[in-house]
């Protein structure tokens, strides 16, 4: 899986999920949200990874939250087309359950 703004690394039994969208203060796009479960599942399925650390690529921001501009654009286009404004299914479990150590 290729995700332009999310990167995975493993060093010394520590998995890192790095948010790299500095131009938007690491605001999470819809694509990023949709990619997170598979990336987390990949790390939780790796027996060499004992812990997962999520952090920003630099010290400017961890994550400023959701990309509100993108969500508003999405909502306007989906509403105009008669669809739902919810980008993700609220009933789904987006994050895999991690195994116990």
PDB file of N, CA and C in Angstrom:
ATOM      1  N   UNK A   1       0.846  -1.179   0.000  1.00  0.00           N
ATOM      2  CA  UNK A   1       0.000   0.000   0.000  1.00  0.00           C
ATOM      3  C   UNK A   1       0.885   1.234   0.000  1.00  0.00           C
ATOM      4  N   UNK A   2       0.579   2.156  -0.866  1.00  0.00           N
ATOM      5  CA  UNK A   2       1.311   3.413  -0.905  1.00  0.00           C
ATOM      6  C   UNK A   2       0.410   4.508  -0.359  1.00  0.00           C
ATOM      7  N   UNK A   3       0.882   5.231   0.598  1.00  0.00           N
ATOM      8  CA  UNK A   3       0.160   6.358   1.167  1.00  0.00           C
ATOM      9  C   UNK A   3       1.159   7.496   1.240  1.00  0.00           C
ATOM     10  N   UNK A   4       0.882   8.507   0.469  1.00  0.00           N
ATOM     11  CA  UNK A   4       1.807   9.631   0.318  1.00  0.00           C
ATOM     12  C   UNK A   4       2.131  10.333   1.637  1.00  0.00           C
ATOM     13  N   UNK A   5       1.168  10.410   2.543  1.00  0.00           N
ATOM     14  CA  UNK A   5       1.360  11.193   3.768  1.00  0.00           C
ATOM     15  C   UNK A   5       1.482  10.366   5.036  1.00  0.00           C
ATOM     16  N   UNK A   6       1.483   9.050   4.904  1.00  0.00           N
ATOM     17  CA  UNK A   6       1.662   8.165   6.061  1.00  0.00           C
ATOM     18  C   UNK A   6       2.780   7.185   5.748  1.00  0.00           C
ATOM     19  N   UNK A   7       3.716   7.039   6.672  1.00  0.00           N
ATOM     20  CA  UNK A   7       4.866   6.162   6.462  1.00  0.00           C
ATOM     21  C   UNK A   7       5.025   5.231   7.659  1.00  0.00           C
ATOM     22  N   UNK A   8       5.457   4.022   7.378  1.00  0.00           N
ATOM     23  CA  UNK A   8       5.729   3.049   8.428  1.00  0.00           C
ATOM     24  C   UNK A   8       7.217   2.784   8.531  1.00  0.00           C
ATOM     25  N   UNK A   9       7.688   2.649   9.770  1.00  0.00           N
ATOM     26  CA  UNK A   9       9.072   2.256  10.025  1.00  0.00           C
ATOM     27  C   UNK A   9       9.080   1.326  11.234  1.00  0.00           C
ATOM     28  N   UNK A  10      10.071   0.449  11.298  1.00  0.00           N
ATOM     29  CA  UNK A  10      10.276  -0.398  12.469  1.00  0.00           C
ATOM     30  C   UNK A  10      11.747  -0.300  12.845  1.00  0.00           C
ATOM     31  N   UNK A  11      11.991   0.034  14.122  1.00  0.00           N
ATOM     32  CA  UNK A  11      13.355   0.089  14.654  1.00  0.00           C
ATOM     33  C   UNK A  11      13.332  -0.437  16.081  1.00  0.00           C
ATOM     34  N   UNK A  12      14.169  -1.419  16.358  1.00  0.00           N
ATOM     35  CA  UNK A  12      14.334  -1.931  17.729  1.00  0.00           C
ATOM     36  C   UNK A  12      12.993  -2.305  18.381  1.00  0.00           C
ATOM     37  N   UNK A  13      12.190  -3.087  17.686  1.00  0.00           N
ATOM     38  CA  UNK A  13      10.893  -3.584  18.168  1.00  0.00           C
ATOM     39  C   UNK A  13       9.846  -2.492  18.346  1.00  0.00           C
ATOM     40  N   UNK A  14      10.099  -1.304  17.826  1.00  0.00           N
ATOM     41  CA  UNK A  14       9.149  -0.201  17.907  1.00  0.00           C
ATOM     42  C   UNK A  14       8.678   0.127  16.495  1.00  0.00           C
ATOM     43  N   UNK A  15       7.354   0.102  16.308  1.00  0.00           N
ATOM     44  CA  UNK A  15       6.777   0.495  15.028  1.00  0.00           C
ATOM     45  C   UNK A  15       6.432   1.971  15.079  1.00  0.00           C
ATOM     46  N   UNK A  16       6.668   2.647  13.980  1.00  0.00           N
ATOM     47  CA  UNK A  16       6.360   4.075  13.890  1.00  0.00           C
ATOM     48  C   UNK A  16       5.427   4.299  12.722  1.00  0.00           C
ATOM     49  N   UNK A  17       4.317   4.983  12.984  1.00  0.00           N
ATOM     50  CA  UNK A  17       3.433   5.455  11.935  1.00  0.00           C
ATOM     51  C   UNK A  17       3.622   6.962  11.905  1.00  0.00           C
ATOM     52  N   UNK A  18       4.188   7.444  10.827  1.00  0.00           N
ATOM     53  CA  UNK A  18       4.605   8.846  10.743  1.00  0.00           C
ATOM     54  C   UNK A  18       3.640   9.609   9.845  1.00  0.00           C
ATOM     55  N   UNK A  19       3.094  10.687  10.385  1.00  0.00           N
ATOM     56  CA  UNK A  19       2.192  11.559   9.630  1.00  0.00           C
ATOM     57  C   UNK A  19       3.041  12.642   8.986  1.00  0.00           C
ATOM     58  N   UNK A  20       2.970  12.733   7.663  1.00  0.00           N
ATOM     59  CA  UNK A  20       3.846  13.642   6.908  1.00  0.00           C
ATOM     60  C   UNK A  20       3.022  14.493   5.939  1.00  0.00           C
ATOM     61  N   UNK A  21       2.375  15.491   6.503  1.00  0.00           N
ATOM     62  CA  UNK A  21       1.606  16.437   5.685  1.00  0.00           C
ATOM     63  C   UNK A  21       1.824  17.833   6.269  1.00  0.00           C
ATOM     64  N   UNK A  22       3.069  18.220   6.300  1.00  0.00           N
ATOM     65  CA  UNK A  22       3.496  19.449   6.972  1.00  0.00           C
ATOM     66  C   UNK A  22       2.786  20.686   6.418  1.00  0.00           C
ATOM     67  N   UNK A  23       2.541  20.701   5.114  1.00  0.00           N
ATOM     68  CA  UNK A  23       1.900  21.879   4.504  1.00  0.00           C
ATOM     69  C   UNK A  23       0.503  22.136   5.062  1.00  0.00           C
ATOM     70  N   UNK A  24      -0.121  21.123   5.652  1.00  0.00           N
ATOM     71  CA  UNK A  24      -1.457  21.257   6.261  1.00  0.00           C
ATOM     72  C   UNK A  24      -1.393  20.989   7.765  1.00  0.00           C
ATOM     73  N   UNK A  25      -0.213  21.162   8.355  1.00  0.00           N
ATOM     74  CA  UNK A  25       0.015  20.898   9.786  1.00  0.00           C
ATOM     75  C   UNK A  25      -0.456  19.494  10.168  1.00  0.00           C
ATOM     76  N   UNK A  26      -0.203  18.552   9.251  1.00  0.00           N
ATOM     77  CA  UNK A  26      -0.529  17.138   9.420  1.00  0.00           C
ATOM     78  C   UNK A  26      -2.022  16.868   9.593  1.00  0.00           C
ATOM     79  N   UNK A  27      -2.855  17.730   9.009  1.00  0.00           N
ATOM     80  CA  UNK A  27      -4.303  17.485   9.023  1.00  0.00           C
ATOM     81  C   UNK A  27      -4.576  16.184   8.279  1.00  0.00           C
ATOM     82  N   UNK A  28      -5.466  15.380   8.825  1.00  0.00           N
ATOM     83  CA  UNK A  28      -5.772  14.069   8.270  1.00  0.00           C
ATOM     84  C   UNK A  28      -6.797  14.181   7.142  1.00  0.00           C
ATOM     85  N   UNK A  29      -6.391  13.787   5.954  1.00  0.00           N
ATOM     86  CA  UNK A  29      -7.302  13.766   4.810  1.00  0.00           C
ATOM     87  C   UNK A  29      -8.170  12.512   4.883  1.00  0.00           C
ATOM     88  N   UNK A  30      -9.215  12.464   4.078  1.00  0.00           N
ATOM     89  CA  UNK A  30     -10.075  11.282   4.030  1.00  0.00           C
ATOM     90  C   UNK A  30      -9.276  10.052   3.609  1.00  0.00           C
ATOM     91  N   UNK A  31      -8.396  10.211   2.630  1.00  0.00           N
ATOM     92  CA  UNK A  31      -7.548   9.090   2.200  1.00  0.00           C
ATOM     93  C   UNK A  31      -6.670   8.583   3.340  1.00  0.00           C
ATOM     94  N   UNK A  32      -6.154   9.507   4.134  1.00  0.00           N
ATOM     95  CA  UNK A  32      -5.315   9.110   5.265  1.00  0.00           C
ATOM     96  C   UNK A  32      -6.136   8.318   6.278  1.00  0.00           C
ATOM     97  N   UNK A  33      -7.340   8.809   6.621  1.00  0.00           N
ATOM     98  CA  UNK A  33      -8.206   8.098   7.565  1.00  0.00           C
ATOM     99  C   UNK A  33      -8.520   6.703   7.059  1.00  0.00           C
ATOM    100  N   UNK A  34      -8.810   6.603   5.769  1.00  0.00           N
ATOM    101  CA  UNK A  34      -9.163   5.309   5.199  1.00  0.00           C
ATOM    102  C   UNK A  34      -7.972   4.354   5.160  1.00  0.00           C
ATOM    103  N   UNK A  35      -6.764   4.878   5.087  1.00  0.00           N
ATOM    104  CA  UNK A  35      -5.553   4.058   5.045  1.00  0.00           C
ATOM    105  C   UNK A  35      -5.107   3.574   6.424  1.00  0.00           C
ATOM    106  N   UNK A  36      -5.475   4.297   7.461  1.00  0.00           N
ATOM    107  CA  UNK A  36      -4.990   3.994   8.811  1.00  0.00           C
ATOM    108  C   UNK A  36      -5.282   2.562   9.268  1.00  0.00           C
ATOM    109  N   UNK A  37      -6.493   2.027   9.124  1.00  0.00           N
ATOM    110  CA  UNK A  37      -6.730   0.671   9.638  1.00  0.00           C
ATOM    111  C   UNK A  37      -5.792  -0.378   9.039  1.00  0.00           C
ATOM    112  N   UNK A  38      -5.551  -0.317   7.737  1.00  0.00           N
ATOM    113  CA  UNK A  38      -4.664  -1.298   7.104  1.00  0.00           C
ATOM    114  C   UNK A  38      -3.223  -1.117   7.573  1.00  0.00           C
ATOM    115  N   UNK A  39      -2.800   0.112   7.738  1.00  0.00           N
ATOM    116  CA  UNK A  39      -1.432   0.363   8.208  1.00  0.00           C
ATOM    117  C   UNK A  39      -1.255  -0.125   9.650  1.00  0.00           C
ATOM    118  N   UNK A  40      -2.250   0.143  10.490  1.00  0.00           N
ATOM    119  CA  UNK A  40      -2.180  -0.309  11.877  1.00  0.00           C
ATOM    120  C   UNK A  40      -2.234  -1.832  11.931  1.00  0.00           C
ATOM    121  N   UNK A  41      -3.089  -2.434  11.118  1.00  0.00           N
ATOM    122  CA  UNK A  41      -3.181  -3.898  11.077  1.00  0.00           C
ATOM    123  C   UNK A  41      -1.852  -4.508  10.653  1.00  0.00           C
ATOM    124  N   UNK A  42      -1.184  -3.869   9.706  1.00  0.00           N
ATOM    125  CA  UNK A  42       0.118  -4.361   9.268  1.00  0.00           C
ATOM    126  C   UNK A  42       1.117  -4.374  10.420  1.00  0.00           C
ATOM    127  N   UNK A  43       1.094  -3.321  11.222  1.00  0.00           N
ATOM    128  CA  UNK A  43       2.020  -3.243  12.353  1.00  0.00           C
ATOM    129  C   UNK A  43       1.619  -4.202  13.471  1.00  0.00           C
ATOM    130  N   UNK A  44       0.323  -4.310  13.766  1.00  0.00           N
ATOM    131  CA  UNK A  44      -0.097  -5.200  14.853  1.00  0.00           C
ATOM    132  C   UNK A  44       0.082  -6.664  14.460  1.00  0.00           C
ATOM    133  N   UNK A  45       0.152  -6.945  13.172  1.00  0.00           N
ATOM    134  CA  UNK A  45       0.392  -8.305  12.717  1.00  0.00           C
ATOM    135  C   UNK A  45       1.855  -8.686  12.653  1.00  0.00           C
ATOM    136  N   UNK A  46       2.734  -7.743  12.868  1.00  0.00           N
ATOM    137  CA  UNK A  46       4.178  -7.983  12.810  1.00  0.00           C
ATOM    138  C   UNK A  46       4.669  -8.368  14.212  1.00  0.00           C
ATOM    139  N   UNK A  47       5.083  -9.609  14.389  1.00  0.00           N
ATOM    140  CA  UNK A  47       5.510 -10.071  15.722  1.00  0.00           C
ATOM    141  C   UNK A  47       6.778  -9.362  16.211  1.00  0.00           C
ATOM    142  N   UNK A  48       7.507  -8.726  15.317  1.00  0.00           N
ATOM    143  CA  UNK A  48       8.712  -7.997  15.721  1.00  0.00           C
ATOM    144  C   UNK A  48       8.374  -6.643  16.344  1.00  0.00           C
ATOM    145  N   UNK A  49       7.136  -6.192  16.184  1.00  0.00           N
ATOM    146  CA  UNK A  49       6.724  -4.885  16.704  1.00  0.00           C
ATOM    147  C   UNK A  49       6.055  -5.071  18.061  1.00  0.00           C
ATOM    148  N   UNK A  50       6.613  -4.455  19.082  1.00  0.00           N
ATOM    149  CA  UNK A  50       6.069  -4.562  20.441  1.00  0.00           C
ATOM    150  C   UNK A  50       5.175  -3.392  20.808  1.00  0.00           C
ATOM    151  N   UNK A  51       5.370  -2.248  20.162  1.00  0.00           N
ATOM    152  CA  UNK A  51       4.576  -1.052  20.430  1.00  0.00           C
ATOM    153  C   UNK A  51       4.523  -0.220  19.156  1.00  0.00           C
ATOM    154  N   UNK A  52       3.443   0.525  18.993  1.00  0.00           N
ATOM    155  CA  UNK A  52       3.301   1.394  17.823  1.00  0.00           C
ATOM    156  C   UNK A  52       3.236   2.841  18.300  1.00  0.00           C
ATOM    157  N   UNK A  53       4.101   3.672  17.754  1.00  0.00           N
ATOM    158  CA  UNK A  53       4.141   5.094  18.081  1.00  0.00           C
ATOM    159  C   UNK A  53       3.652   5.862  16.853  1.00  0.00           C
ATOM    160  N   UNK A  54       2.676   6.728  17.058  1.00  0.00           N
ATOM    161  CA  UNK A  54       2.176   7.578  15.981  1.00  0.00           C
ATOM    162  C   UNK A  54       2.682   8.984  16.258  1.00  0.00           C
ATOM    163  N   UNK A  55       3.345   9.572  15.257  1.00  0.00           N
ATOM    164  CA  UNK A  55       3.861  10.928  15.469  1.00  0.00           C
ATOM    165  C   UNK A  55       3.973  11.679  14.156  1.00  0.00           C
ATOM    166  N   UNK A  56       4.133  12.996  14.271  1.00  0.00           N
ATOM    167  CA  UNK A  56       4.340  13.839  13.098  1.00  0.00           C
ATOM    168  C   UNK A  56       5.771  13.726  12.624  1.00  0.00           C
ATOM    169  N   UNK A  57       5.975  14.073  11.365  1.00  0.00           N
ATOM    170  CA  UNK A  57       7.290  13.937  10.752  1.00  0.00           C
ATOM    171  C   UNK A  57       8.315  14.916  11.342  1.00  0.00           C
ATOM    172  N   UNK A  58       7.838  16.025  11.900  1.00  0.00           N
ATOM    173  CA  UNK A  58       8.754  16.992  12.514  1.00  0.00           C
ATOM    174  C   UNK A  58       8.097  17.583  13.763  1.00  0.00           C
ATOM    175  N   UNK A  59       8.695  18.612  14.316  1.00  0.00           N
ATOM    176  CA  UNK A  59       8.201  19.188  15.565  1.00  0.00           C
ATOM    177  C   UNK A  59       7.132  20.264  15.386  1.00  0.00           C
ATOM    178  N   UNK A  60       6.695  20.530  14.152  1.00  0.00           N
ATOM    179  CA  UNK A  60       5.715  21.604  13.949  1.00  0.00           C
ATOM    180  C   UNK A  60       4.320  21.215  14.434  1.00  0.00           C
ATOM    181  N   UNK A  61       3.947  19.946  14.270  1.00  0.00           N
ATOM    182  CA  UNK A  61       2.612  19.509  14.715  1.00  0.00           C
ATOM    183  C   UNK A  61       2.559  17.997  14.733  1.00  0.00           C
ATOM    184  N   UNK A  62       1.855  17.444  15.725  1.00  0.00           N
ATOM    185  CA  UNK A  62       1.560  16.015  15.702  1.00  0.00           C
ATOM    186  C   UNK A  62       0.523  15.805  14.610  1.00  0.00           C
ATOM    187  N   UNK A  63      -0.658  16.349  14.800  1.00  0.00           N
ATOM    188  CA  UNK A  63      -1.721  16.362  13.803  1.00  0.00           C
ATOM    189  C   UNK A  63      -2.704  17.438  14.238  1.00  0.00           C
ATOM    190  N   UNK A  64      -3.128  18.225  13.295  1.00  0.00           N
ATOM    191  CA  UNK A  64      -4.054  19.304  13.639  1.00  0.00           C
ATOM    192  C   UNK A  64      -5.501  18.841  13.613  1.00  0.00           C
ATOM    193  N   UNK A  65      -5.723  17.562  13.335  1.00  0.00           N
ATOM    194  CA  UNK A  65      -7.084  17.022  13.293  1.00  0.00           C
ATOM    195  C   UNK A  65      -7.468  16.678  11.869  1.00  0.00           C
ATOM    196  N   UNK A  66      -8.751  16.685  11.621  1.00  0.00           N
ATOM    197  CA  UNK A  66      -9.252  16.373  10.283  1.00  0.00           C
ATOM    198  C   UNK A  66      -9.040  17.562   9.353  1.00  0.00           C
ATOM    199  N   UNK A  67      -8.900  17.282   8.078  1.00  0.00           N
ATOM    200  CA  UNK A  67      -8.796  18.338   7.072  1.00  0.00           C
ATOM    201  C   UNK A  67     -10.213  18.850   6.805  1.00  0.00           C
ATOM    202  N   UNK A  68     -10.616  19.863   7.559  1.00  0.00           N
ATOM    203  CA  UNK A  68     -11.983  20.385   7.503  1.00  0.00           C
ATOM    204  C   UNK A  68     -12.321  20.907   6.107  1.00  0.00           C
ATOM    205  N   UNK A  69     -11.382  21.559   5.468  1.00  0.00           N
ATOM    206  CA  UNK A  69     -11.614  22.065   4.110  1.00  0.00           C
ATOM    207  C   UNK A  69     -12.005  20.922   3.168  1.00  0.00           C
ATOM    208  N   UNK A  70     -11.270  19.815   3.241  1.00  0.00           N
ATOM    209  CA  UNK A  70     -11.575  18.671   2.393  1.00  0.00           C
ATOM    210  C   UNK A  70     -12.931  18.063   2.746  1.00  0.00           C
ATOM    211  N   UNK A  71     -13.235  17.955   4.032  1.00  0.00           N
ATOM    212  CA  UNK A  71     -14.512  17.388   4.462  1.00  0.00           C
ATOM    213  C   UNK A  71     -15.673  18.253   3.980  1.00  0.00           C
ATOM    214  N   UNK A  72     -15.533  19.571   4.062  1.00  0.00           N
ATOM    215  CA  UNK A  72     -16.591  20.466   3.580  1.00  0.00           C
ATOM    216  C   UNK A  72     -16.792  20.320   2.071  1.00  0.00           C
ATOM    217  N   UNK A  73     -15.703  20.196   1.330  1.00  0.00           N
ATOM    218  CA  UNK A  73     -15.806  19.976  -0.116  1.00  0.00           C
ATOM    219  C   UNK A  73     -16.496  18.648  -0.402  1.00  0.00           C
ATOM    220  N   UNK A  74     -16.116  17.619   0.327  1.00  0.00           N
ATOM    221  CA  UNK A  74     -16.719  16.290   0.169  1.00  0.00           C
ATOM    222  C   UNK A  74     -18.209  16.346   0.488  1.00  0.00           C
ATOM    223  N   UNK A  75     -18.558  16.984   1.606  1.00  0.00           N
ATOM    224  CA  UNK A  75     -19.958  17.070   2.024  1.00  0.00           C
ATOM    225  C   UNK A  75     -20.788  17.808   0.984  1.00  0.00           C
ATOM    226  N   UNK A  76     -20.249  18.894   0.455  1.00  0.00           N
ATOM    227  CA  UNK A  76     -20.986  19.662  -0.552  1.00  0.00           C
ATOM    228  C   UNK A  76     -21.212  18.833  -1.808  1.00  0.00           C
ATOM    229  N   UNK A  77     -20.216  18.110  -2.244  1.00  0.00           N
ATOM    230  CA  UNK A  77     -20.358  17.327  -3.470  1.00  0.00           C
ATOM    231  C   UNK A  77     -21.281  16.133  -3.261  1.00  0.00           C
ATOM    232  N   UNK A  78     -21.187  15.452  -2.121  1.00  0.00           N
ATOM    233  CA  UNK A  78     -22.043  14.301  -1.845  1.00  0.00           C
ATOM    234  C   UNK A  78     -23.491  14.737  -1.617  1.00  0.00           C
ATOM    235  N   UNK A  79     -23.672  15.854  -0.923  1.00  0.00           N
ATOM    236  CA  UNK A  79     -25.020  16.348  -0.674  1.00  0.00           C
ATOM    237  C   UNK A  79     -25.675  16.751  -1.982  1.00  0.00           C
ATOM    238  N   UNK A  80     -24.911  17.423  -2.842  1.00  0.00           N
ATOM    239  CA  UNK A  80     -25.453  17.848  -4.141  1.00  0.00           C
ATOM    240  C   UNK A  80     -25.844  16.646  -4.989  1.00  0.00           C
ATOM    241  N   UNK A  81     -25.128  15.536  -4.829  1.00  0.00           N
ATOM    242  CA  UNK A  81     -25.415  14.319  -5.605  1.00  0.00           C
ATOM    243  C   UNK A  81     -26.478  13.456  -4.930  1.00  0.00           C
ATOM    244  N   UNK A  82     -26.995  13.895  -3.780  1.00  0.00           N
ATOM    245  CA  UNK A  82     -28.019  13.133  -3.078  1.00  0.00           C
ATOM    246  C   UNK A  82     -27.476  12.027  -2.206  1.00  0.00           C
ATOM    247  N   UNK A  83     -26.167  12.027  -1.971  1.00  0.00           N
ATOM    248  CA  UNK A  83     -25.541  10.981  -1.161  1.00  0.00           C
ATOM    249  C   UNK A  83     -25.450  11.375   0.299  1.00  0.00           C
ATOM    250  N   UNK A  84     -24.714  10.613   1.022  1.00  0.00           N
ATOM    251  CA  UNK A  84     -24.499  10.867   2.437  1.00  0.00           C
ATOM    252  C   UNK A  84     -23.282  11.757   2.627  1.00  0.00           C
ATOM    253  N   UNK A  85     -23.303  12.591   3.634  1.00  0.00           N
ATOM    254  CA  UNK A  85     -22.145  13.448   3.901  1.00  0.00           C
ATOM    255  C   UNK A  85     -21.116  12.766   4.762  1.00  0.00           C
ATOM    256  N   UNK A  86     -21.441  11.587   5.331  1.00  0.00           N
ATOM    257  CA  UNK A  86     -20.505  10.880   6.197  1.00  0.00           C
ATOM    258  C   UNK A  86     -19.447  10.175   5.359  1.00  0.00           C
ATOM    259  N   UNK A  87     -18.172  10.566   5.486  1.00  0.00           N
ATOM    260  CA  UNK A  87     -17.127   9.927   4.683  1.00  0.00           C
ATOM    261  C   UNK A  87     -16.794   8.511   5.140  1.00  0.00           C
ATOM    262  N   UNK A  88     -17.040   8.199   6.406  1.00  0.00           N
ATOM    263  CA  UNK A  88     -16.733   6.869   6.938  1.00  0.00           C
ATOM    264  C   UNK A  88     -17.990   6.287   7.566  1.00  0.00           C
ATOM    265  N   UNK A  89     -18.133   5.001   7.527  1.00  0.00           N
ATOM    266  CA  UNK A  89     -19.272   4.325   8.123  1.00  0.00           C
ATOM    267  C   UNK A  89     -19.133   4.358   9.643  1.00  0.00           C
ATOM    268  N   UNK A  90     -20.046   5.058  10.349  1.00  0.00           N
ATOM    269  CA  UNK A  90     -19.907   5.169  11.807  1.00  0.00           C
ATOM    270  C   UNK A  90     -20.112   3.843  12.536  1.00  0.00           C
ATOM    271  N   UNK A  91     -20.704   2.845  11.886  1.00  0.00           N
ATOM    272  CA  UNK A  91     -20.927   1.546  12.515  1.00  0.00           C
ATOM    273  C   UNK A  91     -19.719   0.621  12.383  1.00  0.00           C
ATOM    274  N   UNK A  92     -18.803   0.963  11.495  1.00  0.00           N
ATOM    275  CA  UNK A  92     -17.653   0.083  11.292  1.00  0.00           C
ATOM    276  C   UNK A  92     -16.636   0.263  12.413  1.00  0.00           C
ATOM    277  N   UNK A  93     -15.789  -0.743  12.603  1.00  0.00           N
ATOM    278  CA  UNK A  93     -14.709  -0.661  13.582  1.00  0.00           C
ATOM    279  C   UNK A  93     -13.461  -0.331  12.765  1.00  0.00           C
ATOM    280  N   UNK A  94     -13.068   0.951  12.728  1.00  0.00           N
ATOM    281  CA  UNK A  94     -11.965   1.326  11.844  1.00  0.00           C
ATOM    282  C   UNK A  94     -10.600   0.856  12.289  1.00  0.00           C
ATOM    283  N   UNK A  95     -10.431   0.562  13.569  1.00  0.00           N
ATOM    284  CA  UNK A  95      -9.109   0.181  14.051  1.00  0.00           C
ATOM    285  C   UNK A  95      -9.113  -1.286  14.443  1.00  0.00           C
ATOM    286  N   UNK A  96      -8.131  -2.027  14.018  1.00  0.00           N
ATOM    287  CA  UNK A  96      -8.060  -3.433  14.425  1.00  0.00           C
ATOM    288  C   UNK A  96      -7.751  -3.541  15.923  1.00  0.00           C
ATOM    289  N   UNK A  97      -8.188  -4.614  16.509  1.00  0.00           N
ATOM    290  CA  UNK A  97      -7.882  -4.852  17.926  1.00  0.00           C
ATOM    291  C   UNK A  97      -6.472  -5.415  18.009  1.00  0.00           C
ATOM    292  N   UNK A  98      -5.634  -4.740  18.778  1.00  0.00           N
ATOM    293  CA  UNK A  98      -4.233  -5.162  18.908  1.00  0.00           C
ATOM    294  C   UNK A  98      -4.133  -6.394  19.791  1.00  0.00           C
ATOM    295  N   UNK A  99      -3.159  -7.201  19.504  1.00  0.00           N
ATOM    296  CA  UNK A  99      -2.921  -8.384  20.331  1.00  0.00           C
ATOM    297  C   UNK A  99      -2.283  -7.963  21.658  1.00  0.00           C
ATOM    298  N   UNK A 100      -2.508  -8.756  22.670  1.00  0.00           N
ATOM    299  CA  UNK A 100      -1.887  -8.492  23.966  1.00  0.00           C
ATOM    300  C   UNK A 100      -0.462  -8.994  23.953  1.00  0.00           C
ATOM    301  N   UNK A 101       0.425  -8.330  24.688  1.00  0.00           N
ATOM    302  CA  UNK A 101       1.826  -8.794  24.721  1.00  0.00           C
ATOM    303  C   UNK A 101       1.957 -10.137  25.397  1.00  0.00           C
TER     304      UNK A 101
END
